[in-house]
């Protein structure tokens, strides 16, 4: 391959990569926190907000230090005797809708973290790996750094 042909090839490759990246979802995570587990407990909760430039499904959330991570809905219900109880349910296929923030916060929908490794007690931060699926079936893996407090 000649010098000019190689330069043209590199330029076309660069343009192709830029074009492919422009079709990727623009995903933004914020307010990423995990509550430190209480003494003697191996469960906790986490919160975040995420927005995306396209519709996505959250297929899984994993971590090396957490056995199982789920997204739960939470609502307060009144019992027949007037007491308020918290009702939590796993959300089976959490959806991120294009242009609308998906919010997990204290007192509302949240992450549930089970089987937490004891090493987390000395950590300030933890990476959670999100596997997201586009409407066309493409999987996107994204590591997200959470603060532990």
N, C-alpha and C. Protein backbone atom coordinates (compact mmCIF):
# COMPACT_ATOMS: atom_id res chain seq x y z
N UNK A 1 0.85 -1.17 0.00
CA UNK A 1 0.00 0.00 0.00
C UNK A 1 0.89 1.23 0.00
N UNK A 2 0.58 2.19 -0.88
CA UNK A 2 1.35 3.42 -0.94
C UNK A 2 1.05 4.33 0.23
N UNK A 3 1.89 5.37 0.41
CA UNK A 3 1.73 6.30 1.53
C UNK A 3 0.39 7.01 1.48
N UNK A 4 -0.01 7.51 0.30
CA UNK A 4 -1.28 8.22 0.18
C UNK A 4 -2.47 7.29 0.42
N UNK A 5 -2.37 6.07 -0.09
CA UNK A 5 -3.45 5.10 0.11
C UNK A 5 -3.60 4.77 1.59
N UNK A 6 -2.48 4.62 2.30
CA UNK A 6 -2.51 4.33 3.73
C UNK A 6 -3.13 5.51 4.49
N UNK A 7 -2.81 6.74 4.14
CA UNK A 7 -3.38 7.92 4.80
C UNK A 7 -4.89 7.97 4.58
N UNK A 8 -5.32 7.69 3.34
CA UNK A 8 -6.76 7.69 3.04
C UNK A 8 -7.47 6.60 3.83
N UNK A 9 -6.84 5.42 3.92
CA UNK A 9 -7.43 4.31 4.67
C UNK A 9 -7.59 4.68 6.15
N UNK A 10 -6.56 5.28 6.74
CA UNK A 10 -6.62 5.68 8.15
C UNK A 10 -7.70 6.74 8.37
N UNK A 11 -7.83 7.67 7.43
CA UNK A 11 -8.85 8.72 7.54
C UNK A 11 -10.25 8.11 7.45
N UNK A 12 -10.46 7.18 6.51
CA UNK A 12 -11.75 6.52 6.39
C UNK A 12 -12.08 5.70 7.64
N UNK A 13 -11.08 5.02 8.19
CA UNK A 13 -11.28 4.25 9.41
C UNK A 13 -11.67 5.16 10.57
N UNK A 14 -10.99 6.30 10.70
CA UNK A 14 -11.30 7.26 11.75
C UNK A 14 -12.72 7.81 11.57
N UNK A 15 -13.11 8.15 10.35
CA UNK A 15 -14.46 8.64 10.10
C UNK A 15 -15.51 7.58 10.42
N UNK A 16 -15.21 6.33 10.10
CA UNK A 16 -16.14 5.23 10.40
C UNK A 16 -16.32 5.09 11.91
N UNK A 17 -15.22 5.17 12.65
CA UNK A 17 -15.32 5.05 14.12
C UNK A 17 -16.11 6.21 14.71
N UNK A 18 -15.88 7.42 14.22
CA UNK A 18 -16.63 8.58 14.70
C UNK A 18 -18.11 8.40 14.39
N UNK A 19 -18.43 7.94 13.20
CA UNK A 19 -19.83 7.72 12.81
C UNK A 19 -20.48 6.66 13.69
N UNK A 20 -19.79 5.54 13.94
CA UNK A 20 -20.35 4.49 14.79
C UNK A 20 -20.60 5.01 16.20
N UNK A 21 -19.66 5.80 16.73
CA UNK A 21 -19.83 6.33 18.08
C UNK A 21 -20.99 7.31 18.17
N UNK A 22 -21.31 7.99 17.09
CA UNK A 22 -22.41 8.95 17.13
C UNK A 22 -23.76 8.23 17.25
N UNK A 23 -23.81 6.95 16.91
CA UNK A 23 -25.04 6.18 17.05
C UNK A 23 -25.14 5.46 18.39
N UNK A 24 -24.08 5.52 19.19
CA UNK A 24 -24.11 4.87 20.50
C UNK A 24 -24.97 5.69 21.45
N UNK A 25 -25.55 5.03 22.43
CA UNK A 25 -26.38 5.72 23.42
C UNK A 25 -25.50 6.64 24.25
N UNK A 26 -26.00 7.84 24.50
CA UNK A 26 -25.35 8.77 25.40
C UNK A 26 -25.99 8.53 26.77
N UNK A 27 -25.25 7.84 27.64
CA UNK A 27 -25.78 7.42 28.95
C UNK A 27 -25.05 8.20 30.03
N UNK A 28 -25.81 8.86 30.91
CA UNK A 28 -25.20 9.67 31.98
C UNK A 28 -25.74 9.23 33.33
N UNK A 29 -24.82 8.82 34.21
CA UNK A 29 -25.15 8.45 35.59
C UNK A 29 -24.77 9.60 36.51
N UNK A 30 -25.59 9.87 37.52
CA UNK A 30 -25.27 10.88 38.54
C UNK A 30 -25.82 10.42 39.89
N UNK A 31 -25.48 11.15 40.94
CA UNK A 31 -25.94 10.88 42.31
C UNK A 31 -25.77 9.41 42.68
N UNK A 32 -24.58 8.87 42.44
CA UNK A 32 -24.29 7.44 42.60
C UNK A 32 -23.76 7.17 44.00
N UNK A 33 -24.61 6.62 44.87
CA UNK A 33 -24.17 6.32 46.23
C UNK A 33 -24.68 4.95 46.67
N UNK A 34 -23.90 4.33 47.54
CA UNK A 34 -24.27 3.08 48.18
C UNK A 34 -24.12 3.31 49.68
N UNK A 35 -25.13 2.93 50.43
CA UNK A 35 -25.04 3.03 51.89
C UNK A 35 -24.17 1.90 52.40
N UNK A 36 -23.26 2.23 53.29
CA UNK A 36 -22.42 1.21 53.92
C UNK A 36 -23.32 0.29 54.74
N UNK A 37 -23.12 -1.03 54.65
CA UNK A 37 -23.98 -1.94 55.42
C UNK A 37 -23.83 -1.70 56.93
N UNK A 38 -24.92 -1.87 57.65
CA UNK A 38 -24.86 -1.76 59.11
C UNK A 38 -24.02 -2.91 59.66
N UNK A 39 -23.44 -2.70 60.83
CA UNK A 39 -22.58 -3.72 61.45
C UNK A 39 -23.31 -5.06 61.53
N UNK A 40 -22.63 -6.10 61.08
CA UNK A 40 -23.18 -7.45 61.14
C UNK A 40 -24.16 -7.78 60.02
N UNK A 41 -24.44 -6.85 59.15
CA UNK A 41 -25.39 -7.07 58.05
C UNK A 41 -24.62 -7.25 56.74
N UNK A 42 -25.21 -7.99 55.80
CA UNK A 42 -24.58 -8.13 54.48
C UNK A 42 -25.55 -7.71 53.38
N UNK A 43 -26.47 -6.79 53.72
CA UNK A 43 -27.36 -6.19 52.72
C UNK A 43 -27.30 -4.67 52.88
N UNK A 44 -27.63 -3.98 51.82
CA UNK A 44 -27.67 -2.53 51.88
C UNK A 44 -28.47 -2.01 50.69
N UNK A 45 -28.47 -0.70 50.53
CA UNK A 45 -29.20 -0.05 49.43
C UNK A 45 -28.28 0.90 48.68
N UNK A 46 -28.69 1.23 47.47
CA UNK A 46 -27.95 2.18 46.66
C UNK A 46 -28.90 3.04 45.86
N UNK A 47 -28.37 4.17 45.40
CA UNK A 47 -29.19 5.15 44.68
C UNK A 47 -28.40 5.72 43.51
N UNK A 48 -29.10 6.10 42.46
CA UNK A 48 -28.49 6.79 41.33
C UNK A 48 -29.58 7.37 40.45
N UNK A 49 -29.16 8.24 39.56
CA UNK A 49 -30.03 8.75 38.50
C UNK A 49 -29.30 8.47 37.19
N UNK A 50 -30.05 8.01 36.18
CA UNK A 50 -29.44 7.77 34.87
C UNK A 50 -30.38 8.33 33.81
N UNK A 51 -29.78 8.91 32.78
CA UNK A 51 -30.55 9.35 31.62
C UNK A 51 -29.83 8.87 30.37
N UNK A 52 -30.60 8.71 29.29
CA UNK A 52 -30.05 8.15 28.06
C UNK A 52 -30.66 8.84 26.85
N UNK A 53 -29.90 8.83 25.77
CA UNK A 53 -30.39 9.40 24.51
C UNK A 53 -31.24 8.40 23.73
N UNK A 54 -31.41 7.19 24.28
CA UNK A 54 -32.29 6.20 23.65
C UNK A 54 -32.88 5.29 24.73
N UNK A 55 -33.96 4.60 24.39
CA UNK A 55 -34.59 3.67 25.31
C UNK A 55 -33.65 2.50 25.58
N UNK A 56 -33.58 2.09 26.86
CA UNK A 56 -32.71 0.98 27.26
C UNK A 56 -33.41 0.13 28.32
N UNK A 57 -33.05 -1.13 28.37
CA UNK A 57 -33.44 -2.01 29.46
C UNK A 57 -32.21 -2.29 30.30
N UNK A 58 -32.37 -2.31 31.62
CA UNK A 58 -31.27 -2.72 32.48
C UNK A 58 -31.36 -4.23 32.59
N UNK A 59 -30.42 -4.93 31.97
CA UNK A 59 -30.41 -6.40 31.97
C UNK A 59 -29.80 -6.96 33.24
N UNK A 60 -28.71 -6.33 33.71
CA UNK A 60 -28.08 -6.80 34.94
C UNK A 60 -27.19 -5.71 35.52
N UNK A 61 -26.95 -5.84 36.83
CA UNK A 61 -25.99 -5.00 37.54
C UNK A 61 -25.19 -5.96 38.40
N UNK A 62 -23.85 -5.92 38.27
CA UNK A 62 -23.01 -6.86 39.00
C UNK A 62 -21.83 -6.14 39.64
N UNK A 63 -21.21 -6.83 40.60
CA UNK A 63 -20.01 -6.34 41.25
C UNK A 63 -19.26 -7.54 41.81
N UNK A 64 -17.94 -7.44 41.87
CA UNK A 64 -17.13 -8.51 42.44
C UNK A 64 -17.38 -8.69 43.94
N UNK A 65 -17.84 -7.63 44.61
CA UNK A 65 -18.01 -7.68 46.06
C UNK A 65 -19.46 -7.83 46.52
N UNK A 66 -20.37 -8.01 45.56
CA UNK A 66 -21.79 -8.13 45.91
C UNK A 66 -22.36 -9.35 45.18
N UNK A 67 -23.01 -10.22 45.94
CA UNK A 67 -23.54 -11.45 45.36
C UNK A 67 -24.71 -11.22 44.42
N UNK A 68 -25.61 -10.31 44.79
CA UNK A 68 -26.81 -10.08 43.96
C UNK A 68 -27.24 -8.63 44.09
N UNK A 69 -27.58 -8.02 42.97
CA UNK A 69 -28.05 -6.63 42.95
C UNK A 69 -29.37 -6.59 42.18
N UNK A 70 -30.38 -5.98 42.80
CA UNK A 70 -31.70 -5.84 42.18
C UNK A 70 -32.17 -4.40 42.28
N UNK A 71 -33.09 -4.04 41.41
CA UNK A 71 -33.77 -2.75 41.52
C UNK A 71 -35.16 -3.02 42.07
N UNK A 72 -35.51 -2.29 43.13
CA UNK A 72 -36.80 -2.48 43.80
C UNK A 72 -37.65 -1.23 43.73
N UNK A 73 -38.95 -1.45 43.59
CA UNK A 73 -39.91 -0.36 43.78
C UNK A 73 -40.22 -0.32 45.26
N UNK A 74 -40.67 0.82 45.75
CA UNK A 74 -41.00 0.94 47.16
C UNK A 74 -42.19 1.90 47.28
N UNK A 75 -43.18 1.46 48.05
CA UNK A 75 -44.31 2.34 48.33
C UNK A 75 -44.80 2.07 49.74
N UNK A 76 -45.36 3.09 50.34
CA UNK A 76 -45.91 2.95 51.68
C UNK A 76 -47.39 2.57 51.54
N UNK A 77 -47.80 1.55 52.31
CA UNK A 77 -49.18 1.06 52.27
C UNK A 77 -49.76 1.15 53.68
N UNK A 78 -51.08 1.41 53.77
CA UNK A 78 -51.76 1.40 55.06
C UNK A 78 -52.41 0.03 55.27
N UNK A 79 -52.20 -0.51 56.47
CA UNK A 79 -52.84 -1.77 56.81
C UNK A 79 -54.28 -1.51 57.24
N UNK A 80 -55.06 -2.56 57.41
CA UNK A 80 -56.46 -2.40 57.82
C UNK A 80 -56.59 -1.74 59.19
N UNK A 81 -55.54 -1.84 60.02
CA UNK A 81 -55.61 -1.19 61.33
C UNK A 81 -54.95 0.19 61.34
N UNK A 82 -54.66 0.73 60.14
CA UNK A 82 -54.16 2.10 60.03
C UNK A 82 -52.66 2.27 60.11
N UNK A 83 -51.92 1.19 60.30
CA UNK A 83 -50.46 1.28 60.34
C UNK A 83 -49.90 1.40 58.93
N UNK A 84 -48.78 2.12 58.80
CA UNK A 84 -48.12 2.21 57.50
C UNK A 84 -46.99 1.20 57.43
N UNK A 85 -46.95 0.45 56.34
CA UNK A 85 -45.85 -0.49 56.12
C UNK A 85 -45.23 -0.22 54.76
N UNK A 86 -43.97 -0.59 54.66
CA UNK A 86 -43.23 -0.41 53.42
C UNK A 86 -43.40 -1.67 52.58
N UNK A 87 -43.77 -1.50 51.31
CA UNK A 87 -43.94 -2.64 50.41
C UNK A 87 -42.90 -2.49 49.29
N UNK A 88 -42.00 -3.48 49.20
CA UNK A 88 -40.96 -3.46 48.18
C UNK A 88 -41.14 -4.65 47.25
N UNK A 89 -40.87 -4.42 45.98
CA UNK A 89 -40.95 -5.47 44.96
C UNK A 89 -39.80 -5.29 43.98
N UNK A 90 -39.25 -6.42 43.54
CA UNK A 90 -38.21 -6.38 42.51
C UNK A 90 -38.84 -5.94 41.19
N UNK A 91 -38.18 -5.02 40.50
CA UNK A 91 -38.60 -4.61 39.16
C UNK A 91 -37.89 -5.55 38.19
N UNK A 92 -38.65 -6.35 37.47
CA UNK A 92 -38.08 -7.40 36.63
C UNK A 92 -37.28 -6.88 35.43
N UNK A 93 -37.79 -5.90 34.72
CA UNK A 93 -37.09 -5.37 33.54
C UNK A 93 -37.09 -3.85 33.60
N UNK A 94 -36.22 -3.28 34.43
CA UNK A 94 -36.21 -1.81 34.56
C UNK A 94 -35.93 -1.15 33.22
N UNK A 95 -36.73 -0.14 32.89
CA UNK A 95 -36.60 0.56 31.61
C UNK A 95 -36.13 1.98 31.83
N UNK A 96 -35.16 2.37 31.02
CA UNK A 96 -34.72 3.76 30.95
C UNK A 96 -35.34 4.31 29.68
N UNK A 97 -36.18 5.32 29.82
CA UNK A 97 -36.88 5.89 28.67
C UNK A 97 -36.12 7.12 28.17
N UNK A 98 -35.89 7.16 26.88
CA UNK A 98 -35.16 8.24 26.23
C UNK A 98 -35.64 9.60 26.75
N UNK A 99 -34.69 10.41 27.23
CA UNK A 99 -34.99 11.77 27.64
C UNK A 99 -35.60 11.92 29.02
N UNK A 100 -35.98 10.81 29.69
CA UNK A 100 -36.56 10.90 31.03
C UNK A 100 -35.57 10.32 32.04
N UNK A 101 -35.25 11.06 33.10
CA UNK A 101 -34.33 10.48 34.09
C UNK A 101 -34.96 9.30 34.81
N UNK A 102 -34.19 8.25 35.00
CA UNK A 102 -34.57 7.08 35.77
C UNK A 102 -33.94 7.30 37.14
N UNK A 103 -34.77 7.51 38.17
CA UNK A 103 -34.29 7.96 39.47
C UNK A 103 -34.52 6.89 40.53
N UNK A 104 -33.44 6.52 41.20
CA UNK A 104 -33.51 5.67 42.39
C UNK A 104 -33.04 6.53 43.55
N UNK A 105 -33.89 6.69 44.59
CA UNK A 105 -33.57 7.63 45.67
C UNK A 105 -34.11 7.11 47.00
N UNK A 106 -33.57 7.64 48.12
CA UNK A 106 -34.09 7.25 49.43
C UNK A 106 -35.60 7.52 49.52
N UNK A 107 -36.33 6.57 50.08
CA UNK A 107 -37.78 6.72 50.21
C UNK A 107 -38.55 6.37 48.95
N UNK A 108 -37.84 5.92 47.91
CA UNK A 108 -38.49 5.56 46.65
C UNK A 108 -37.84 4.32 46.07
N UNK A 109 -37.91 4.19 44.77
CA UNK A 109 -37.25 3.06 44.11
C UNK A 109 -35.76 3.11 44.42
N UNK A 110 -35.11 1.94 44.51
CA UNK A 110 -33.73 1.88 44.97
C UNK A 110 -33.06 0.58 44.53
N UNK A 111 -31.74 0.55 44.66
CA UNK A 111 -30.98 -0.69 44.47
C UNK A 111 -31.02 -1.47 45.77
N UNK A 112 -31.17 -2.77 45.68
CA UNK A 112 -31.01 -3.66 46.84
C UNK A 112 -29.75 -4.48 46.58
N UNK A 113 -28.84 -4.47 47.54
CA UNK A 113 -27.56 -5.15 47.43
C UNK A 113 -27.54 -6.29 48.46
N UNK A 114 -27.36 -7.51 48.00
CA UNK A 114 -27.39 -8.70 48.85
C UNK A 114 -26.03 -9.39 48.83
N UNK A 115 -25.74 -10.12 49.90
CA UNK A 115 -24.52 -10.93 49.98
C UNK A 115 -23.28 -10.07 49.77
N UNK A 116 -23.19 -8.99 50.54
CA UNK A 116 -22.09 -8.04 50.41
C UNK A 116 -20.85 -8.60 51.11
N UNK A 117 -19.73 -8.59 50.38
CA UNK A 117 -18.45 -9.03 50.92
C UNK A 117 -18.01 -8.07 52.03
N UNK A 118 -17.40 -8.61 53.08
CA UNK A 118 -16.94 -7.79 54.22
C UNK A 118 -15.90 -6.76 53.81
N UNK A 119 -15.18 -7.00 52.71
CA UNK A 119 -14.14 -6.05 52.27
C UNK A 119 -14.73 -4.69 51.91
N UNK A 120 -16.02 -4.64 51.67
CA UNK A 120 -16.65 -3.37 51.29
C UNK A 120 -16.62 -2.38 52.45
N UNK A 121 -16.51 -2.87 53.69
CA UNK A 121 -16.54 -2.00 54.86
C UNK A 121 -15.36 -1.05 54.93
N UNK A 122 -14.27 -1.36 54.24
CA UNK A 122 -13.11 -0.47 54.25
C UNK A 122 -12.98 0.31 52.94
N UNK A 123 -13.92 0.14 52.04
CA UNK A 123 -13.85 0.81 50.74
C UNK A 123 -14.62 2.13 50.76
N UNK A 124 -14.14 3.10 50.00
CA UNK A 124 -14.84 4.38 49.83
C UNK A 124 -15.66 4.39 48.55
N UNK A 125 -15.26 3.54 47.61
CA UNK A 125 -15.89 3.52 46.29
C UNK A 125 -16.05 2.07 45.84
N UNK A 126 -16.98 1.87 44.92
CA UNK A 126 -17.23 0.54 44.38
C UNK A 126 -17.71 0.67 42.95
N UNK A 127 -17.18 -0.17 42.07
CA UNK A 127 -17.61 -0.17 40.66
C UNK A 127 -18.73 -1.19 40.50
N UNK A 128 -19.84 -0.75 39.91
CA UNK A 128 -20.91 -1.64 39.52
C UNK A 128 -20.91 -1.72 38.00
N UNK A 129 -21.04 -2.94 37.47
CA UNK A 129 -21.08 -3.12 36.02
C UNK A 129 -22.53 -3.25 35.58
N UNK A 130 -22.98 -2.32 34.75
CA UNK A 130 -24.33 -2.33 34.21
C UNK A 130 -24.29 -2.95 32.82
N UNK A 131 -25.20 -3.87 32.56
CA UNK A 131 -25.40 -4.40 31.21
C UNK A 131 -26.76 -3.89 30.77
N UNK A 132 -26.76 -3.10 29.70
CA UNK A 132 -27.96 -2.46 29.19
C UNK A 132 -28.25 -2.98 27.79
N UNK A 133 -29.53 -3.01 27.42
CA UNK A 133 -29.91 -3.49 26.10
C UNK A 133 -30.69 -2.41 25.36
N UNK A 134 -30.30 -2.15 24.12
CA UNK A 134 -31.00 -1.18 23.28
C UNK A 134 -32.26 -1.84 22.70
N UNK A 135 -33.11 -1.03 22.11
CA UNK A 135 -34.34 -1.58 21.51
C UNK A 135 -34.04 -2.50 20.33
N UNK A 136 -32.84 -2.37 19.75
CA UNK A 136 -32.46 -3.27 18.65
C UNK A 136 -31.78 -4.55 19.15
N UNK A 137 -31.64 -4.69 20.48
CA UNK A 137 -31.05 -5.89 21.03
C UNK A 137 -29.56 -5.82 21.29
N UNK A 138 -28.93 -4.69 20.99
CA UNK A 138 -27.50 -4.53 21.23
C UNK A 138 -27.26 -4.38 22.73
N UNK A 139 -26.24 -5.11 23.25
CA UNK A 139 -25.88 -5.01 24.66
C UNK A 139 -24.77 -3.99 24.85
N UNK A 140 -24.91 -3.18 25.88
CA UNK A 140 -23.91 -2.17 26.23
C UNK A 140 -23.47 -2.46 27.66
N UNK A 141 -22.17 -2.61 27.87
CA UNK A 141 -21.62 -2.80 29.22
C UNK A 141 -20.99 -1.49 29.67
N UNK A 142 -21.34 -1.04 30.87
CA UNK A 142 -20.79 0.21 31.36
C UNK A 142 -20.45 0.06 32.85
N UNK A 143 -19.19 0.35 33.18
CA UNK A 143 -18.77 0.37 34.58
C UNK A 143 -19.07 1.73 35.17
N UNK A 144 -19.68 1.75 36.36
CA UNK A 144 -20.09 3.00 37.00
C UNK A 144 -19.52 3.01 38.41
N UNK A 145 -18.81 4.07 38.76
CA UNK A 145 -18.18 4.21 40.06
C UNK A 145 -19.17 4.84 41.05
N UNK A 146 -19.42 4.14 42.17
CA UNK A 146 -20.33 4.60 43.22
C UNK A 146 -19.52 4.98 44.45
N UNK A 147 -19.94 6.02 45.16
CA UNK A 147 -19.38 6.38 46.46
C UNK A 147 -20.08 5.54 47.52
N UNK A 148 -19.34 5.09 48.50
CA UNK A 148 -19.92 4.37 49.63
C UNK A 148 -19.91 5.31 50.83
N UNK A 149 -21.08 5.49 51.45
CA UNK A 149 -21.14 6.35 52.64
C UNK A 149 -22.04 5.79 53.69
